[in-house]
Amino acid sequence: MTEYLDGNGKQEIFLTQLPVIASGYTVAEDADGYYGDGTSSPFATNLTVGEDYVLPTLENPHQSNGGRLVRLNGFWLGQHTRRRGELTHVARKAFGSIKAVYFTGYRTIPGDVQAAVEAFCSRLLMTLPKGGGLASENLDYYAYTRVSAAEEADAIDSVKSMLGRHKTAII
């Protein structure tokens, strides 16, 4: 996947597609990159992992820590300007100045993701032939009661809770 990011003048920047496989990726920057449509093509500066930036990893060496790129010994491109009336310098975006080429996904599917998919699919297999979940069923003068929408939502939420550690909030 190729992604163009806006330089923010800070030490950290985040990739948007997660999870990031922490090998075989490249990062380049160019102040006039403009999402690949700038004056310098290809991007002017190829950065070196370990010297210019790092992609911190979790305990699993093949999965990144939320796609966080950390610039070493400096900051990502961005303009530090001070407008009239402002007391301090502010980092402004350098539009499309960072080009990241990386792979996303899992090399092996985590066990909790497999369990959540199996639970969800087994629920679908049980309820779809009947047109949905049944709360009760009678025999004489046949009658049945469907599961309420709230109970269906609870069943889906139980599967969502199994995937809680895979949610990432980037602020």
Protein backbone atom coordinates (compact mmCIF):
# COMPACT_ATOMS: atom_id res chain seq x y z
CA MET A 1 0.00 0.00 0.00
CA THR A 2 1.26 3.49 -0.81
CA GLU A 3 0.08 6.31 1.40
CA TYR A 4 0.87 10.02 1.28
CA LEU A 5 0.83 11.75 4.65
CA ASP A 6 0.85 15.39 5.65
CA GLY A 7 3.99 16.41 7.54
CA ASN A 8 2.99 17.87 10.89
CA GLY A 9 6.29 19.31 12.16
CA LYS A 10 6.17 16.90 15.10
CA GLN A 11 8.18 13.82 16.02
CA GLU A 12 5.32 11.32 15.52
CA ILE A 13 3.03 10.64 12.60
CA PHE A 14 0.51 7.81 12.14
CA LEU A 15 -0.20 5.48 9.23
CA THR A 16 -3.92 5.02 8.62
CA GLN A 17 -4.25 1.38 7.55
CA LEU A 18 -3.73 -1.05 10.42
CA PRO A 19 -2.25 -3.39 11.43
CA VAL A 20 1.08 -2.61 9.77
CA ILE A 21 3.45 -5.48 9.06
CA ALA A 22 6.73 -4.28 10.51
CA SER A 23 9.01 -5.39 7.69
CA GLY A 24 9.45 -4.49 4.04
CA TYR A 25 8.28 -0.89 4.34
CA THR A 26 9.84 2.33 3.07
CA VAL A 27 9.38 5.98 3.93
CA ALA A 28 10.45 9.02 1.90
CA GLU A 29 9.88 12.72 2.33
CA ASP A 30 9.86 15.72 0.08
CA ALA A 31 8.85 19.24 1.04
CA ASP A 32 7.30 19.69 -2.43
CA GLY A 33 5.77 16.19 -2.62
CA TYR A 34 2.10 17.22 -2.74
CA TYR A 35 0.78 13.65 -2.63
CA GLY A 36 3.03 12.49 -5.45
CA ASP A 37 2.03 15.31 -7.80
CA GLY A 38 4.77 17.73 -6.79
CA THR A 39 7.77 19.02 -8.70
CA SER A 40 10.17 16.31 -7.51
CA SER A 41 9.30 12.87 -8.63
CA PRO A 42 10.31 10.44 -7.22
CA PHE A 43 10.35 11.78 -3.66
CA ALA A 44 13.61 13.61 -2.93
CA THR A 45 14.77 11.90 0.28
CA ASN A 46 14.50 8.19 1.06
CA LEU A 47 14.71 7.78 4.82
CA THR A 48 16.60 4.99 6.56
CA VAL A 49 14.85 2.93 9.23
CA GLY A 50 16.84 3.01 12.47
CA GLU A 51 18.67 6.20 11.49
CA ASP A 52 15.95 8.62 10.40
CA TYR A 53 12.80 6.98 11.79
CA VAL A 54 11.44 3.88 13.51
CA LEU A 55 8.16 1.99 13.52
CA PRO A 56 7.89 0.80 17.16
CA THR A 57 6.61 -2.76 17.52
CA LEU A 58 4.59 -4.65 20.10
CA GLU A 59 5.74 -7.88 21.75
CA ASN A 60 5.04 -9.61 18.43
CA PRO A 61 7.95 -8.58 16.18
CA HIS A 62 5.80 -8.84 13.05
CA GLN A 63 3.08 -6.38 14.11
CA SER A 64 3.55 -2.63 14.54
CA ASN A 65 2.42 -0.45 17.41
CA GLY A 66 -0.60 1.19 15.80
CA GLY A 67 1.24 2.44 12.71
CA ARG A 68 3.17 5.06 14.68
CA LEU A 69 6.20 6.39 12.80
CA VAL A 70 8.69 8.17 15.06
CA ARG A 71 11.23 10.53 13.55
CA LEU A 72 14.69 10.22 15.16
CA ASN A 73 16.95 13.25 15.68
CA GLY A 74 14.43 15.71 14.30
CA PHE A 75 10.85 16.23 13.20
CA TRP A 76 8.68 15.34 10.23
CA LEU A 77 8.42 18.05 7.62
CA GLY A 78 6.09 20.86 8.52
CA GLN A 79 6.24 24.62 8.60
CA HIS A 80 6.82 26.34 11.90
CA THR A 81 5.26 29.75 11.45
CA ARG A 82 4.00 32.53 13.65
CA ARG A 83 1.13 34.60 12.37
CA ARG A 84 0.46 38.12 13.48
CA GLY A 85 -1.37 38.05 16.80
CA GLU A 86 -0.10 34.58 17.81
CA LEU A 87 2.28 34.36 20.74
CA THR A 88 4.15 31.22 19.71
CA HIS A 89 5.25 29.38 16.61
CA VAL A 90 2.77 26.79 15.36
CA ALA A 91 3.52 23.69 13.30
CA ARG A 92 1.53 23.82 10.06
CA LYS A 93 1.04 20.89 7.71
CA ALA A 94 3.34 20.16 4.80
CA PHE A 95 0.71 18.67 2.49
CA GLY A 96 1.54 15.24 1.08
CA SER A 97 5.21 15.53 2.01
CA ILE A 98 5.66 11.98 3.35
CA LYS A 99 5.32 8.86 1.23
CA ALA A 100 4.99 5.54 3.05
CA VAL A 101 4.92 2.20 1.26
CA TYR A 102 3.96 -0.66 3.56
CA PHE A 103 1.99 -3.88 3.98
CA THR A 104 -1.06 -4.26 6.20
CA GLY A 105 -2.75 -7.25 7.76
CA TYR A 106 -1.71 -10.24 9.83
CA ARG A 107 0.79 -12.89 8.84
CA THR A 108 -1.25 -15.35 10.91
CA ILE A 109 -4.78 -14.56 12.07
CA PRO A 110 -4.86 -14.02 15.86
CA GLY A 111 -6.82 -16.59 17.88
CA ASP A 112 -9.33 -14.07 19.23
CA VAL A 113 -10.19 -12.91 15.69
CA GLN A 114 -10.71 -16.54 14.62
CA ALA A 115 -12.91 -17.18 17.67
CA ALA A 116 -15.00 -14.05 16.99
CA VAL A 117 -15.56 -15.03 13.35
CA GLU A 118 -16.52 -18.57 14.34
CA ALA A 119 -18.96 -17.31 16.99
CA PHE A 120 -20.56 -14.84 14.58
CA CYS A 121 -20.84 -17.37 11.73
CA SER A 122 -22.29 -20.10 13.98
CA ARG A 123 -24.93 -17.63 15.20
CA LEU A 124 -25.81 -16.78 11.59
CA LEU A 125 -26.03 -20.46 10.63
CA MET A 126 -28.41 -21.14 13.52
CA THR A 127 -30.69 -18.14 13.01
CA LEU A 128 -30.83 -17.44 9.25
CA PRO A 129 -32.79 -20.57 8.23
CA LYS A 130 -35.47 -19.52 10.74
CA GLY A 131 -35.53 -15.92 9.55
CA GLY A 132 -33.80 -14.69 12.70
CA GLY A 133 -33.33 -15.62 16.33
CA LEU A 134 -36.21 -17.30 18.15
CA ALA A 135 -36.95 -16.42 21.78
CA SER A 136 -39.62 -19.13 22.22
CA GLU A 137 -41.60 -21.69 20.25
CA ASN A 138 -44.83 -23.61 21.08
CA LEU A 139 -46.34 -26.74 19.53
CA ASP A 140 -50.13 -26.67 20.04
CA TYR A 141 -51.63 -24.06 17.76
CA TYR A 142 -48.08 -23.30 16.71
CA ALA A 143 -46.68 -19.98 17.94
CA TYR A 144 -43.25 -18.48 18.14
CA THR A 145 -41.64 -15.30 19.41
CA ARG A 146 -38.70 -13.60 17.75
CA VAL A 147 -35.72 -12.26 19.62
CA SER A 148 -35.97 -8.50 20.09
CA ALA A 149 -33.64 -6.13 18.26
CA ALA A 150 -31.95 -5.30 21.60
CA GLU A 151 -31.17 -9.00 22.19
CA GLU A 152 -29.77 -9.32 18.66
CA ALA A 153 -27.59 -6.27 19.33
CA ASP A 154 -26.37 -7.87 22.59
CA ALA A 155 -25.35 -10.99 20.66
CA ILE A 156 -23.35 -8.87 18.20
CA ASP A 157 -21.83 -6.87 21.06
CA SER A 158 -20.57 -10.07 22.65
CA VAL A 159 -18.63 -10.77 19.45
CA LYS A 160 -17.41 -7.15 19.35
CA SER A 161 -16.10 -7.46 22.90
CA MET A 162 -13.89 -10.35 21.78
CA LEU A 163 -12.20 -7.93 19.34
CA GLY A 164 -11.68 -5.09 21.81
CA ARG A 165 -7.88 -5.17 21.74
CA HIS A 166 -7.87 -4.64 17.97
CA LYS A 167 -9.57 -1.25 18.17
CA THR A 168 -7.18 1.66 17.84
CA ALA A 169 -7.92 5.29 18.52
CA ILE A 170 -5.55 7.75 16.88
CA ILE A 171 -5.83 11.26 18.19
